[in-house]
Structure formats: C-alpha cells, structure tokens
Protein backbone atom coordinates (compact mmCIF):
# COMPACT_ATOMS: atom_id res chain seq x y z
CA MET A 1 -1.67 11.04 43.80
CA HIS A 2 -1.96 11.33 47.51
CA VAL A 3 -3.07 7.71 48.22
CA ASP A 4 -2.37 4.49 46.20
CA ILE A 5 -5.80 3.47 45.30
CA ASP A 6 -4.54 0.17 44.10
CA ASN A 7 -3.21 -0.50 47.52
CA LEU A 8 -6.45 0.44 49.06
CA ASP A 9 -8.33 -1.81 46.64
CA MET A 10 -6.04 -4.70 47.56
CA LEU A 11 -6.60 -4.05 51.32
CA LYS A 12 -10.47 -3.88 50.59
CA ASP A 13 -10.22 -7.26 48.93
CA ILE A 14 -8.34 -8.76 51.98
CA ILE A 15 -10.32 -7.08 54.87
CA GLY A 16 -13.51 -6.04 53.21
CA GLU A 17 -15.80 -3.42 54.99
CA GLU A 18 -13.40 -3.42 57.91
CA LEU A 19 -11.08 -1.22 55.77
CA THR A 20 -13.44 1.78 56.40
CA ASP A 21 -12.72 1.22 60.14
CA VAL A 22 -8.91 1.20 59.60
CA LEU A 23 -9.07 4.28 57.44
CA ASN A 24 -11.40 6.17 59.88
CA ILE A 25 -8.87 5.14 62.83
CA TYR A 26 -5.97 6.62 60.68
CA MET A 27 -7.92 9.78 60.12
CA GLU A 28 -8.82 10.14 63.87
CA THR A 29 -5.27 9.57 65.10
CA THR A 30 -3.22 11.39 62.53
CA PRO A 31 -4.12 14.88 63.70
CA ASP A 32 -2.81 14.04 67.18
CA ILE A 33 0.46 12.76 65.69
CA ILE A 34 0.74 16.02 63.79
CA LEU A 35 0.06 18.17 66.72
CA LYS A 36 2.76 16.34 68.65
CA LEU A 37 5.14 16.82 65.86
CA GLN A 38 4.28 20.52 65.72
CA GLU A 39 4.93 20.94 69.53
CA ALA A 40 8.12 18.84 69.20
CA VAL A 41 9.57 20.84 66.41
CA ALA A 42 8.64 24.09 68.16
CA THR A 43 10.44 22.91 71.31
CA GLN A 44 13.23 21.31 69.32
CA SER A 45 12.52 17.83 71.06
CA VAL A 46 14.44 15.69 68.73
CA SER A 47 13.45 12.37 70.26
CA THR A 48 9.83 13.24 70.02
CA VAL A 49 10.08 14.40 66.45
CA GLU A 50 11.85 11.17 65.55
CA SER A 51 9.39 8.89 67.31
CA GLN A 52 6.21 10.76 65.89
CA ALA A 53 7.69 10.93 62.45
CA HIS A 54 8.33 7.21 62.50
CA THR A 55 4.74 6.47 63.64
CA LEU A 56 3.41 8.62 60.86
CA LYS A 57 5.61 7.10 58.33
CA GLY A 58 4.47 3.65 59.18
CA SER A 59 0.71 4.42 59.52
CA ALA A 60 0.94 6.36 56.14
CA ALA A 61 2.63 3.57 54.33
CA ASN A 62 0.08 0.98 55.60
CA ILE A 63 -2.80 2.83 53.91
CA GLY A 64 -0.90 3.67 50.79
CA ALA A 65 -0.17 7.35 51.37
CA ASN A 66 3.38 6.92 49.96
CA GLN A 67 4.32 10.51 49.55
CA LEU A 68 3.38 11.31 53.19
CA SER A 69 5.32 8.40 54.34
CA MET A 70 8.40 9.44 52.42
CA ILE A 71 8.19 12.96 53.84
CA SER A 72 7.82 11.54 57.29
CA ALA A 73 10.85 9.33 56.74
CA GLU A 74 12.83 12.20 55.76
CA LEU A 75 11.78 14.11 58.92
CA GLU A 76 12.70 11.15 60.97
CA GLN A 77 16.17 11.02 59.57
CA LYS A 78 16.69 14.79 59.90
CA ALA A 79 15.69 14.49 63.54
CA LYS A 80 17.82 11.48 64.06
CA HIS A 81 20.85 13.55 62.75
CA SER A 82 19.79 16.64 64.80
CA ASP A 83 19.33 18.77 61.54
CA MET A 84 16.91 21.11 63.32
CA ASP A 85 16.98 23.79 60.50
CA SER A 86 15.12 21.56 58.14
CA LEU A 87 12.37 20.38 60.46
CA PRO A 88 9.97 23.17 60.10
CA GLY A 89 9.92 22.97 56.32
CA LEU A 90 9.31 19.27 56.28
CA LEU A 91 6.63 19.62 58.92
CA SER A 92 4.93 22.06 56.63
CA LYS A 93 5.04 19.56 53.80
CA ILE A 94 3.59 16.92 56.06
CA GLU A 95 0.72 19.19 57.17
CA THR A 96 -0.10 19.85 53.55
CA GLU A 97 0.14 16.29 52.34
CA SER A 98 -1.77 14.95 55.33
CA LYS A 99 -4.81 17.24 54.46
CA ALA A 100 -4.69 16.01 50.83
CA VAL A 101 -4.49 12.34 52.18
CA GLU A 102 -7.58 12.86 54.46
CA LEU A 103 -9.63 14.28 51.67
CA ALA A 104 -8.53 11.36 49.33
CA LEU A 105 -9.45 8.84 52.05
CA ALA A 106 -12.84 10.52 52.66
CA ASP A 107 -13.56 10.27 48.93
CA TYR A 108 -12.44 6.59 48.86
CA ILE A 109 -14.66 5.69 51.93
CA LYS A 110 -17.66 7.10 49.92
CA THR A 111 -17.07 4.26 47.27
CA PHE A 112 -17.93 1.60 49.77
C-alpha cells in the first residue's frame, strides 16, 4: 500500500476537512522537490540531494506515505556518504512511488 489509510483517517479525525488542504499542498509541492532531486542527481550536487531527500522523507512520513519516506531516507543517507552510483536508481524508485502516492491521495480525497 502506497499510503497508510489508517494514518490518514487519524489525521482526518484530528483536523477534519483541512486534511484535504494538507494533501493538496503535498501534491502541489512534491513535483518541485522531485525536479530538484533530478537536477541535483544529474549534476551530482550531494548537498542538494541530501536536503531535498530529507524534505521529501519528512513530508511523505507526515501523510503516511511510508514507502516513499523510506526510499527518501535511503537516498538521503547515500548522498550523505557520497555514494553517487546508487542515486539514480533510488531516484527512479522515488519517481515511481511518488506517482503511486499521488494517485492514492487523489482517491482518498474523493472520500471527503
């Protein structure tokens, strides 16, 4: 599962309808983070990969996108240790998982 629905339901219980705003903001900002990651991996900008992966890790965790958060954490650690060879493969996984998360969130928002 790409998004922890129980986590989303808990957030919905706490913040109610405002959860749709939170999820929409996530879906609006994530493509820019991924674009920055793509550029940073292409130019081998380790510090940018690390910071953008850290941002994505946290925002994904906040909405229950646990797999995306874990892959982002792995990317962050690989960048931190300058393991440049593994970055493109992890970025590809992030791109794929992020699309799946976005679809899952769009479906979830329809339930409001």
